[in-house]
Amino acid sequence: MAIKAVIFDCFGVLYGGSIDTLIRMAEPEGKVMLRDLSKQHDYGFISGSEYESGIAELFGWTQQQTHDFLMHKRIRNEELINYIVNLRQQYANLKMAMLSNVGGGTLEYLFAPGELEKMFDVCVLSYEESLAKPNPEIFTLTADRLGVAASECVMIDDRVENCEGAEVAGMMALQYTDNELLIKRLNALLEA
């Protein structure tokens, strides 16, 4: 079946993620607390400010130190973002989406006003849906919002469990490791 839609993850693909760095820095009990805080934020149960406060408390940082750390660790993948913009021009009928486990107020720091709308037809954000990857329902929801069948989508994500969730929903999945390999594999799928 032809690919009619490409869905990109944000953190770990379009931007480097800060949570993985924090988890590596934390003591074992802190790792559990960080994962819990991250899930609460992704599902929209706590605000960005509450998320940052929890991290600050765990590491003994100020709120500002925490905010600065999180912003510093989020490195924009310009090459891949430019590739997405070019895909939109090259394939006029190809639907594009971003599907991200993210808490409220985060993307406003990362993308300029109107930038996401230029890149994607749809953005499905976990905190708005109270649903997160790897739950297959969020992949199905994204396909529905794009107006295509899940089997007509390819999901790009850096995490194996999220790729597996996409596959359970009926999508093809490409695990992101680097730009060169992803672009080569995605171009081959789109040209098939």
N, C-alpha and C. Protein backbone atom coordinates (compact mmCIF):
# COMPACT_ATOMS: atom_id res chain seq x y z
N MET A 1 0.85 -1.18 0.00
CA MET A 1 0.00 0.00 0.00
C MET A 1 0.89 1.24 0.00
N ALA A 2 0.48 2.24 -0.75
CA ALA A 2 1.25 3.48 -0.85
C ALA A 2 1.18 4.28 0.45
N ILE A 3 2.27 4.95 0.75
CA ILE A 3 2.32 5.82 1.93
C ILE A 3 1.62 7.13 1.59
N LYS A 4 0.61 7.47 2.39
CA LYS A 4 -0.13 8.72 2.20
C LYS A 4 0.16 9.74 3.30
N ALA A 5 0.82 9.29 4.38
CA ALA A 5 1.09 10.20 5.50
C ALA A 5 2.37 9.79 6.22
N VAL A 6 3.09 10.81 6.66
CA VAL A 6 4.29 10.60 7.47
C VAL A 6 4.09 11.34 8.78
N ILE A 7 4.36 10.65 9.88
CA ILE A 7 4.15 11.20 11.22
C ILE A 7 5.50 11.22 11.94
N PHE A 8 5.86 12.38 12.44
CA PHE A 8 7.14 12.56 13.12
C PHE A 8 6.93 12.77 14.62
N ASP A 9 7.80 12.14 15.40
CA ASP A 9 7.91 12.43 16.82
C ASP A 9 8.68 13.75 16.96
N CYS A 10 8.54 14.42 18.08
CA CYS A 10 9.29 15.66 18.31
C CYS A 10 10.60 15.37 19.05
N PHE A 11 10.52 14.91 20.29
CA PHE A 11 11.72 14.77 21.12
C PHE A 11 12.46 13.48 20.81
N GLY A 12 13.72 13.62 20.48
CA GLY A 12 14.52 12.50 20.04
C GLY A 12 14.60 12.42 18.54
N VAL A 13 13.78 13.21 17.84
CA VAL A 13 13.78 13.24 16.37
C VAL A 13 13.98 14.68 15.90
N LEU A 14 12.98 15.54 16.09
CA LEU A 14 13.09 16.94 15.66
C LEU A 14 13.91 17.77 16.65
N TYR A 15 13.89 17.36 17.88
CA TYR A 15 14.67 18.01 18.95
C TYR A 15 15.28 16.94 19.82
N GLY A 16 16.49 17.18 20.28
CA GLY A 16 17.07 16.31 21.29
C GLY A 16 16.25 16.43 22.56
N GLY A 17 16.06 15.36 23.27
CA GLY A 17 15.25 15.38 24.49
C GLY A 17 16.09 15.62 25.73
N SER A 18 15.53 16.32 26.70
CA SER A 18 16.25 16.61 27.94
C SER A 18 16.01 15.54 29.01
N ILE A 19 14.89 14.84 28.94
CA ILE A 19 14.55 13.88 30.00
C ILE A 19 15.57 12.75 30.07
N ASP A 20 16.07 12.30 28.92
CA ASP A 20 17.06 11.21 28.93
C ASP A 20 18.34 11.64 29.64
N THR A 21 18.75 12.89 29.42
CA THR A 21 19.94 13.41 30.09
C THR A 21 19.71 13.46 31.60
N LEU A 22 18.55 13.93 32.01
CA LEU A 22 18.22 14.00 33.44
C LEU A 22 18.22 12.62 34.07
N ILE A 23 17.64 11.66 33.39
CA ILE A 23 17.57 10.29 33.93
C ILE A 23 18.98 9.72 34.10
N ARG A 24 19.86 10.00 33.14
CA ARG A 24 21.24 9.52 33.27
C ARG A 24 21.94 10.15 34.48
N MET A 25 21.58 11.38 34.81
CA MET A 25 22.21 12.11 35.92
C MET A 25 21.66 11.70 37.29
N ALA A 26 20.48 11.14 37.33
CA ALA A 26 19.78 10.89 38.60
C ALA A 26 20.23 9.60 39.28
N GLU A 27 20.07 9.58 40.59
CA GLU A 27 20.24 8.37 41.38
C GLU A 27 19.08 7.43 41.04
N PRO A 28 19.20 6.12 41.37
CA PRO A 28 18.14 5.17 41.00
C PRO A 28 16.73 5.59 41.40
N GLU A 29 16.53 6.06 42.64
CA GLU A 29 15.18 6.46 43.05
C GLU A 29 14.74 7.73 42.31
N GLY A 30 15.70 8.57 41.96
CA GLY A 30 15.39 9.77 41.19
C GLY A 30 14.94 9.45 39.78
N LYS A 31 15.49 8.38 39.20
CA LYS A 31 15.09 7.96 37.86
C LYS A 31 13.60 7.64 37.82
N VAL A 32 13.13 6.93 38.84
CA VAL A 32 11.72 6.57 38.93
C VAL A 32 10.87 7.83 39.05
N MET A 33 11.30 8.76 39.90
CA MET A 33 10.55 10.01 40.09
C MET A 33 10.51 10.83 38.79
N LEU A 34 11.63 10.88 38.06
CA LEU A 34 11.68 11.63 36.80
C LEU A 34 10.73 11.03 35.76
N ARG A 35 10.74 9.72 35.65
CA ARG A 35 9.84 9.07 34.69
C ARG A 35 8.38 9.36 35.05
N ASP A 36 8.08 9.33 36.34
CA ASP A 36 6.72 9.63 36.80
C ASP A 36 6.35 11.08 36.50
N LEU A 37 7.24 12.01 36.80
CA LEU A 37 6.99 13.43 36.49
C LEU A 37 6.77 13.62 35.00
N SER A 38 7.61 12.98 34.20
CA SER A 38 7.51 13.11 32.75
C SER A 38 6.17 12.60 32.23
N LYS A 39 5.73 11.46 32.74
CA LYS A 39 4.42 10.91 32.33
C LYS A 39 3.28 11.83 32.74
N GLN A 40 3.34 12.35 33.97
CA GLN A 40 2.29 13.28 34.42
C GLN A 40 2.23 14.50 33.52
N HIS A 41 3.39 15.01 33.13
CA HIS A 41 3.46 16.18 32.25
C HIS A 41 2.95 15.84 30.85
N ASP A 42 3.39 14.69 30.32
CA ASP A 42 2.97 14.27 28.98
C ASP A 42 1.46 14.11 28.88
N TYR A 43 0.84 13.59 29.93
CA TYR A 43 -0.61 13.38 29.92
C TYR A 43 -1.40 14.64 30.28
N GLY A 44 -0.69 15.71 30.64
CA GLY A 44 -1.37 16.95 30.98
C GLY A 44 -1.90 17.00 32.40
N PHE A 45 -1.43 16.10 33.26
CA PHE A 45 -1.89 16.08 34.64
C PHE A 45 -1.22 17.16 35.49
N ILE A 46 -0.01 17.58 35.07
CA ILE A 46 0.67 18.68 35.75
C ILE A 46 1.13 19.69 34.70
N SER A 47 1.29 20.93 35.12
CA SER A 47 1.72 22.00 34.21
C SER A 47 3.23 21.95 34.00
N GLY A 48 3.69 22.72 33.03
CA GLY A 48 5.12 22.84 32.79
C GLY A 48 5.86 23.37 34.00
N SER A 49 5.24 24.31 34.68
CA SER A 49 5.84 24.89 35.88
C SER A 49 5.95 23.85 37.00
N GLU A 50 4.91 23.04 37.16
CA GLU A 50 4.95 21.98 38.18
C GLU A 50 6.01 20.92 37.82
N TYR A 51 6.13 20.63 36.53
CA TYR A 51 7.14 19.68 36.05
C TYR A 51 8.53 20.20 36.40
N GLU A 52 8.79 21.46 36.07
CA GLU A 52 10.09 22.06 36.36
C GLU A 52 10.35 22.12 37.86
N SER A 53 9.32 22.41 38.65
CA SER A 53 9.47 22.45 40.11
C SER A 53 9.86 21.08 40.66
N GLY A 54 9.25 20.03 40.13
CA GLY A 54 9.58 18.68 40.57
C GLY A 54 11.03 18.32 40.26
N ILE A 55 11.49 18.71 39.07
CA ILE A 55 12.89 18.45 38.70
C ILE A 55 13.82 19.27 39.59
N ALA A 56 13.48 20.53 39.80
CA ALA A 56 14.30 21.40 40.65
C ALA A 56 14.44 20.82 42.05
N GLU A 57 13.34 20.34 42.60
CA GLU A 57 13.36 19.76 43.94
C GLU A 57 14.24 18.51 43.98
N LEU A 58 14.13 17.68 42.96
CA LEU A 58 14.89 16.44 42.90
C LEU A 58 16.40 16.70 42.85
N PHE A 59 16.82 17.70 42.07
CA PHE A 59 18.24 17.96 41.89
C PHE A 59 18.78 19.08 42.79
N GLY A 60 17.89 19.74 43.55
CA GLY A 60 18.33 20.84 44.40
C GLY A 60 18.68 22.09 43.61
N TRP A 61 18.00 22.28 42.49
CA TRP A 61 18.23 23.44 41.62
C TRP A 61 17.15 24.48 41.87
N THR A 62 17.41 25.70 41.41
CA THR A 62 16.36 26.72 41.39
C THR A 62 15.48 26.47 40.18
N GLN A 63 14.32 27.11 40.17
CA GLN A 63 13.41 27.00 39.03
C GLN A 63 14.11 27.49 37.75
N GLN A 64 14.85 28.59 37.86
CA GLN A 64 15.54 29.15 36.69
C GLN A 64 16.64 28.22 36.19
N GLN A 65 17.40 27.63 37.09
CA GLN A 65 18.43 26.67 36.69
C GLN A 65 17.81 25.49 35.94
N THR A 66 16.69 25.03 36.44
CA THR A 66 16.00 23.90 35.81
C THR A 66 15.52 24.28 34.42
N HIS A 67 14.87 25.43 34.31
CA HIS A 67 14.37 25.89 33.01
C HIS A 67 15.52 26.04 32.01
N ASP A 68 16.61 26.66 32.45
CA ASP A 68 17.77 26.85 31.57
C ASP A 68 18.35 25.51 31.13
N PHE A 69 18.44 24.55 32.04
CA PHE A 69 18.95 23.22 31.71
C PHE A 69 18.08 22.56 30.64
N LEU A 70 16.77 22.59 30.86
CA LEU A 70 15.85 21.96 29.92
C LEU A 70 15.95 22.59 28.54
N MET A 71 16.05 23.90 28.47
CA MET A 71 16.15 24.60 27.19
C MET A 71 17.49 24.29 26.51
N HIS A 72 18.55 24.23 27.28
CA HIS A 72 19.89 23.99 26.73
C HIS A 72 20.01 22.59 26.12
N LYS A 73 19.34 21.62 26.70
CA LYS A 73 19.45 20.24 26.24
C LYS A 73 18.55 19.94 25.03
N ARG A 74 17.67 20.85 24.72
CA ARG A 74 16.78 20.65 23.56
C ARG A 74 17.44 21.25 22.33
N ILE A 75 18.11 20.41 21.57
CA ILE A 75 18.84 20.87 20.39
C ILE A 75 18.02 20.56 19.15
N ARG A 76 17.79 21.60 18.37
CA ARG A 76 16.96 21.53 17.18
C ARG A 76 17.69 20.80 16.05
N ASN A 77 16.98 19.88 15.40
CA ASN A 77 17.52 19.11 14.29
C ASN A 77 17.17 19.85 12.99
N GLU A 78 17.95 20.88 12.68
CA GLU A 78 17.66 21.74 11.53
C GLU A 78 17.63 20.97 10.22
N GLU A 79 18.55 20.03 10.05
CA GLU A 79 18.60 19.26 8.80
C GLU A 79 17.28 18.52 8.57
N LEU A 80 16.77 17.88 9.59
CA LEU A 80 15.53 17.12 9.45
C LEU A 80 14.33 18.04 9.29
N ILE A 81 14.32 19.15 9.99
CA ILE A 81 13.22 20.12 9.84
C ILE A 81 13.19 20.67 8.42
N ASN A 82 14.36 20.97 7.86
CA ASN A 82 14.42 21.43 6.46
C ASN A 82 13.96 20.34 5.50
N TYR A 83 14.30 19.10 5.79
CA TYR A 83 13.86 17.97 4.97
C TYR A 83 12.34 17.88 4.96
N ILE A 84 11.71 18.07 6.12
CA ILE A 84 10.24 18.02 6.21
C ILE A 84 9.62 19.12 5.35
N VAL A 85 10.16 20.32 5.45
CA VAL A 85 9.66 21.44 4.64
C VAL A 85 9.79 21.11 3.15
N ASN A 86 10.91 20.52 2.76
CA ASN A 86 11.11 20.13 1.35
C ASN A 86 10.16 19.01 0.93
N LEU A 87 9.89 18.06 1.83
CA LEU A 87 8.93 16.99 1.52
C LEU A 87 7.56 17.57 1.20
N ARG A 88 7.16 18.59 1.97
CA ARG A 88 5.85 19.24 1.75
C ARG A 88 5.79 19.81 0.34
N GLN A 89 6.90 20.36 -0.13
CA GLN A 89 6.93 20.95 -1.47
C GLN A 89 7.00 19.87 -2.55
N GLN A 90 7.76 18.82 -2.29
CA GLN A 90 7.97 17.76 -3.27
C GLN A 90 6.75 16.86 -3.45
N TYR A 91 6.03 16.58 -2.37
CA TYR A 91 4.88 15.68 -2.41
C TYR A 91 3.64 16.43 -1.93
N ALA A 92 2.98 17.09 -2.86
CA ALA A 92 1.84 17.95 -2.52
C ALA A 92 0.70 17.19 -1.83
N ASN A 93 0.51 15.92 -2.16
CA ASN A 93 -0.60 15.14 -1.60
C ASN A 93 -0.22 14.36 -0.34
N LEU A 94 1.03 14.43 0.06
CA LEU A 94 1.48 13.71 1.24
C LEU A 94 1.04 14.45 2.50
N LYS A 95 0.34 13.76 3.37
CA LYS A 95 -0.08 14.34 4.65
C LYS A 95 1.08 14.23 5.64
N MET A 96 1.20 15.23 6.50
CA MET A 96 2.29 15.26 7.48
C MET A 96 1.72 15.58 8.86
N ALA A 97 2.25 14.90 9.87
CA ALA A 97 1.80 15.15 11.24
C ALA A 97 2.98 15.09 12.20
N MET A 98 2.79 15.73 13.33
CA MET A 98 3.69 15.54 14.46
C MET A 98 2.85 14.91 15.56
N LEU A 99 3.38 13.85 16.14
CA LEU A 99 2.76 13.16 17.27
C LEU A 99 3.79 13.13 18.38
N SER A 100 3.49 13.80 19.49
CA SER A 100 4.50 13.93 20.54
C SER A 100 3.91 13.74 21.93
N ASN A 101 4.66 13.03 22.75
CA ASN A 101 4.40 13.00 24.19
C ASN A 101 5.02 14.27 24.75
N VAL A 102 4.18 15.22 25.07
CA VAL A 102 4.67 16.54 25.49
C VAL A 102 3.66 17.17 26.43
N GLY A 103 4.16 17.95 27.36
CA GLY A 103 3.29 18.69 28.25
C GLY A 103 2.97 20.06 27.68
N GLY A 104 1.95 20.70 28.22
CA GLY A 104 1.51 22.01 27.76
C GLY A 104 2.59 23.07 27.90
N GLY A 105 2.62 23.99 26.94
CA GLY A 105 3.52 25.12 26.99
C GLY A 105 4.93 24.84 26.51
N THR A 106 5.24 23.62 26.13
CA THR A 106 6.61 23.28 25.74
C THR A 106 6.92 23.69 24.31
N LEU A 107 6.04 23.38 23.38
CA LEU A 107 6.34 23.61 21.97
C LEU A 107 6.47 25.09 21.63
N GLU A 108 5.82 25.94 22.40
CA GLU A 108 5.90 27.38 22.15
C GLU A 108 7.33 27.90 22.28
N TYR A 109 8.15 27.22 23.08
CA TYR A 109 9.56 27.60 23.23
C TYR A 109 10.41 27.09 22.07
N LEU A 110 9.93 26.08 21.39
CA LEU A 110 10.76 25.39 20.41
C LEU A 110 10.50 25.77 18.96
N PHE A 111 9.29 26.21 18.67
CA PHE A 111 8.93 26.52 17.29
C PHE A 111 8.40 27.95 17.21
N ALA A 112 8.76 28.64 16.14
CA ALA A 112 8.27 30.01 15.92
C ALA A 112 6.77 29.98 15.63
N PRO A 113 6.07 31.08 15.90
CA PRO A 113 4.63 31.12 15.57
C PRO A 113 4.41 30.79 14.09
N GLY A 114 3.49 29.86 13.84
CA GLY A 114 3.16 29.44 12.48
C GLY A 114 4.07 28.39 11.88
N GLU A 115 5.18 28.09 12.54
CA GLU A 115 6.13 27.12 11.98
C GLU A 115 5.56 25.70 11.93
N LEU A 116 4.90 25.27 12.99
CA LEU A 116 4.31 23.93 12.99
C LEU A 116 3.24 23.79 11.92
N GLU A 117 2.44 24.83 11.74
CA GLU A 117 1.38 24.80 10.72
C GLU A 117 1.99 24.72 9.31
N LYS A 118 3.15 25.29 9.13
CA LYS A 118 3.84 25.24 7.83
C LYS A 118 4.36 23.82 7.55
N MET A 119 4.77 23.14 8.61
CA MET A 119 5.37 21.81 8.46
C MET A 119 4.35 20.68 8.46
N PHE A 120 3.29 20.82 9.26
CA PHE A 120 2.39 19.69 9.50
C PHE A 120 0.93 20.05 9.26
N ASP A 121 0.18 19.06 8.75
CA ASP A 121 -1.27 19.21 8.62
C ASP A 121 -1.94 19.09 9.98
N VAL A 122 -1.37 18.26 10.84
CA VAL A 122 -1.95 17.95 12.14
C VAL A 122 -0.83 17.82 13.17
N CYS A 123 -1.07 18.32 14.37
CA CYS A 123 -0.19 18.06 15.52
C CYS A 123 -1.04 17.42 16.61
N VAL A 124 -0.69 16.21 16.99
CA VAL A 124 -1.39 15.51 18.06
C VAL A 124 -0.44 15.46 19.25
N LEU A 125 -0.87 16.09 20.33
CA LEU A 125 -0.03 16.25 21.51
C LEU A 125 -0.64 15.51 22.69
N SER A 126 0.16 14.71 23.35
CA SER A 126 -0.35 13.81 24.40
C SER A 126 -1.12 14.55 25.48
N TYR A 127 -0.63 15.70 25.91
CA TYR A 127 -1.31 16.39 27.01
C TYR A 127 -2.70 16.88 26.62
N GLU A 128 -2.92 17.16 25.34
CA GLU A 128 -4.25 17.59 24.89
C GLU A 128 -5.22 16.43 24.80
N GLU A 129 -4.70 15.22 24.63
CA GLU A 129 -5.54 14.04 24.43
C GLU A 129 -5.64 13.18 25.68
N SER A 130 -4.83 13.45 26.70
CA SER A 130 -4.71 12.57 27.88
C SER A 130 -4.46 11.13 27.45
N LEU A 131 -3.61 11.02 26.45
CA LEU A 131 -3.27 9.75 25.83
C LEU A 131 -1.84 9.89 25.32
N ALA A 132 -1.01 8.89 25.52
CA ALA A 132 0.39 9.02 25.12
C ALA A 132 0.89 7.78 24.40
N LYS A 133 1.93 7.97 23.61
CA LYS A 133 2.62 6.83 23.00
C LYS A 133 3.26 6.03 24.13
N PRO A 134 3.31 4.75 24.05
CA PRO A 134 3.08 3.89 22.89
C PRO A 134 1.66 3.35 22.74
N ASN A 135 0.68 3.90 23.44
CA ASN A 135 -0.70 3.42 23.32
C ASN A 135 -1.15 3.49 21.85
N PRO A 136 -1.54 2.36 21.26
CA PRO A 136 -1.93 2.36 19.85
C PRO A 136 -3.07 3.33 19.52
N GLU A 137 -3.90 3.66 20.51
CA GLU A 137 -5.03 4.56 20.26
C GLU A 137 -4.58 5.93 19.78
N ILE A 138 -3.45 6.42 20.27
CA ILE A 138 -3.01 7.76 19.87
C ILE A 138 -2.51 7.76 18.42
N PHE A 139 -1.99 6.63 17.96
CA PHE A 139 -1.57 6.52 16.57
C PHE A 139 -2.79 6.48 15.65
N THR A 140 -3.80 5.71 16.06
CA THR A 140 -5.05 5.64 15.30
C THR A 140 -5.72 7.01 15.24
N LEU A 141 -5.73 7.72 16.36
CA LEU A 141 -6.29 9.07 16.41
C LEU A 141 -5.58 9.99 15.42
N THR A 142 -4.27 9.90 15.36
CA THR A 142 -3.49 10.74 14.44
C THR A 142 -3.85 10.43 12.99
N ALA A 143 -3.93 9.15 12.65
CA ALA A 143 -4.32 8.77 11.28
C ALA A 143 -5.72 9.30 10.96
N ASP A 144 -6.64 9.16 11.90
CA ASP A 144 -8.01 9.66 11.69
C ASP A 144 -8.01 11.16 11.42
N ARG A 145 -7.23 11.90 12.20
CA ARG A 145 -7.18 13.36 12.01
C ARG A 145 -6.56 13.74 10.67
N LEU A 146 -5.69 12.89 10.17
CA LEU A 146 -5.09 13.13 8.85
C LEU A 146 -6.03 12.71 7.72
N GLY A 147 -7.06 11.93 8.06
CA GLY A 147 -8.00 11.46 7.04
C GLY A 147 -7.47 10.30 6.22
N VAL A 148 -6.60 9.49 6.82
CA VAL A 148 -6.04 8.33 6.14
C VAL A 148 -6.14 7.11 7.05
N ALA A 149 -5.99 5.94 6.46
CA ALA A 149 -5.97 4.71 7.25
C ALA A 149 -4.61 4.57 7.92
N ALA A 150 -4.58 3.95 9.07
CA ALA A 150 -3.30 3.73 9.77
C ALA A 150 -2.32 2.99 8.87
N SER A 151 -2.81 2.07 8.06
CA SER A 151 -1.94 1.29 7.18
C SER A 151 -1.30 2.13 6.08
N GLU A 152 -1.77 3.36 5.92
CA GLU A 152 -1.20 4.27 4.91
C GLU A 152 -0.19 5.25 5.51
N CYS A 153 0.15 5.03 6.79
CA CYS A 153 1.04 5.95 7.51
C CYS A 153 2.37 5.29 7.83
N VAL A 154 3.39 6.12 7.90
CA VAL A 154 4.67 5.70 8.45
C VAL A 154 4.99 6.63 9.62
N MET A 155 5.33 6.03 10.75
CA MET A 155 5.65 6.76 11.98
C MET A 155 7.16 6.77 12.15
N ILE A 156 7.71 7.95 12.45
CA ILE A 156 9.14 8.11 12.71
C ILE A 156 9.29 8.42 14.20
N ASP A 157 9.98 7.55 14.93
CA ASP A 157 10.17 7.76 16.37
C ASP A 157 11.51 7.17 16.77
N ASP A 158 12.12 7.75 17.78
CA ASP A 158 13.42 7.25 18.25
C ASP A 158 13.29 6.09 19.23
N ARG A 159 12.12 5.88 19.79
CA ARG A 159 11.95 4.84 20.81
C ARG A 159 11.31 3.58 20.23
N VAL A 160 11.92 2.45 20.52
CA VAL A 160 11.43 1.16 20.03
C VAL A 160 9.98 0.94 20.45
N GLU A 161 9.65 1.21 21.72
CA GLU A 161 8.30 0.94 22.20
C GLU A 161 7.25 1.78 21.47
N ASN A 162 7.62 2.98 21.05
CA ASN A 162 6.67 3.81 20.29
C ASN A 162 6.51 3.29 18.87
N CYS A 163 7.60 2.81 18.28
CA CYS A 163 7.50 2.18 16.95
C CYS A 163 6.62 0.94 17.02
N GLU A 164 6.76 0.17 18.08
CA GLU A 164 5.92 -1.02 18.26
C GLU A 164 4.46 -0.64 18.43
N GLY A 165 4.18 0.42 19.18
CA GLY A 165 2.80 0.90 19.34
C GLY A 165 2.19 1.30 18.01
N ALA A 166 2.98 1.97 17.17
CA ALA A 166 2.51 2.37 15.84
C ALA A 166 2.20 1.13 15.00
N GLU A 167 3.06 0.13 15.08
CA GLU A 167 2.84 -1.09 14.31
C GLU A 167 1.60 -1.84 14.78
N VAL A 168 1.35 -1.86 16.08
CA VAL A 168 0.13 -2.49 16.61
C VAL A 168 -1.10 -1.77 16.04
N ALA A 169 -1.00 -0.46 15.88
CA ALA A 169 -2.11 0.32 15.32
C ALA A 169 -2.26 0.11 13.81
N GLY A 170 -1.30 -0.57 13.19
CA GLY A 170 -1.39 -0.86 11.76
C GLY A 170 -0.49 -0.02 10.88
N MET A 171 0.33 0.82 11.49
CA MET A 171 1.25 1.68 10.73
C MET A 171 2.57 0.97 10.47
N MET A 172 3.29 1.49 9.50
CA MET A 172 4.68 1.14 9.33
C MET A 172 5.45 2.08 10.25
N ALA A 173 6.56 1.62 10.79
CA ALA A 173 7.36 2.48 11.68
C ALA A 173 8.82 2.42 11.28
N LEU A 174 9.47 3.57 11.36
CA LEU A 174 10.91 3.66 11.17
C LEU A 174 11.51 4.21 12.45
N GLN A 175 12.42 3.45 13.04
CA GLN A 175 13.07 3.95 14.24
C GLN A 175 14.17 4.92 13.84
N TYR A 176 14.10 6.12 14.39
CA TYR A 176 15.08 7.16 14.08
C TYR A 176 16.36 6.92 14.87
N THR A 177 17.48 6.91 14.14
CA THR A 177 18.79 6.86 14.77
C THR A 177 19.65 8.03 14.31
N ASP A 178 19.55 8.37 13.02
CA ASP A 178 20.27 9.53 12.50
C ASP A 178 19.59 10.00 11.23
N ASN A 179 19.91 11.23 10.83
CA ASN A 179 19.24 11.84 9.69
C ASN A 179 19.51 11.10 8.39
N GLU A 180 20.76 10.76 8.14
CA GLU A 180 21.13 10.15 6.86
C GLU A 180 20.35 8.86 6.60
N LEU A 181 20.32 7.98 7.58
CA LEU A 181 19.61 6.71 7.42
C LEU A 181 18.11 6.92 7.29
N LEU A 182 17.55 7.79 8.11
CA LEU A 182 16.11 8.05 8.04
C LEU A 182 15.72 8.59 6.67
N ILE A 183 16.43 9.59 6.20
CA ILE A 183 16.11 10.22 4.91
C ILE A 183 16.21 9.20 3.79
N LYS A 184 17.24 8.36 3.81
CA LYS A 184 17.41 7.32 2.80
C LYS A 184 16.23 6.34 2.83
N ARG A 185 15.87 5.87 4.02
CA ARG A 185 14.78 4.89 4.15
C ARG A 185 13.43 5.49 3.80
N LEU A 186 13.17 6.72 4.25
CA LEU A 186 11.88 7.35 3.97
C LEU A 186 11.75 7.68 2.49
N ASN A 187 12.81 8.18 1.87
CA ASN A 187 12.76 8.46 0.43
C ASN A 187 12.46 7.19 -0.35
N ALA A 188 13.07 6.07 0.04
CA ALA A 188 12.82 4.79 -0.65
C ALA A 188 11.36 4.39 -0.52
N LEU A 189 10.76 4.57 0.65
CA LEU A 189 9.34 4.25 0.83
C LEU A 189 8.44 5.15 -0.01
N LEU A 190 8.75 6.42 -0.04
CA LEU A 190 7.91 7.37 -0.77
C LEU A 190 8.03 7.21 -2.28
N GLU A 191 9.17 6.73 -2.74
CA GLU A 191 9.39 6.55 -4.17
C GLU A 191 8.91 5.19 -4.66
N ALA A 192 8.57 4.29 -3.75
CA ALA A 192 8.15 2.93 -4.12
C ALA A 192 6.78 2.93 -4.78
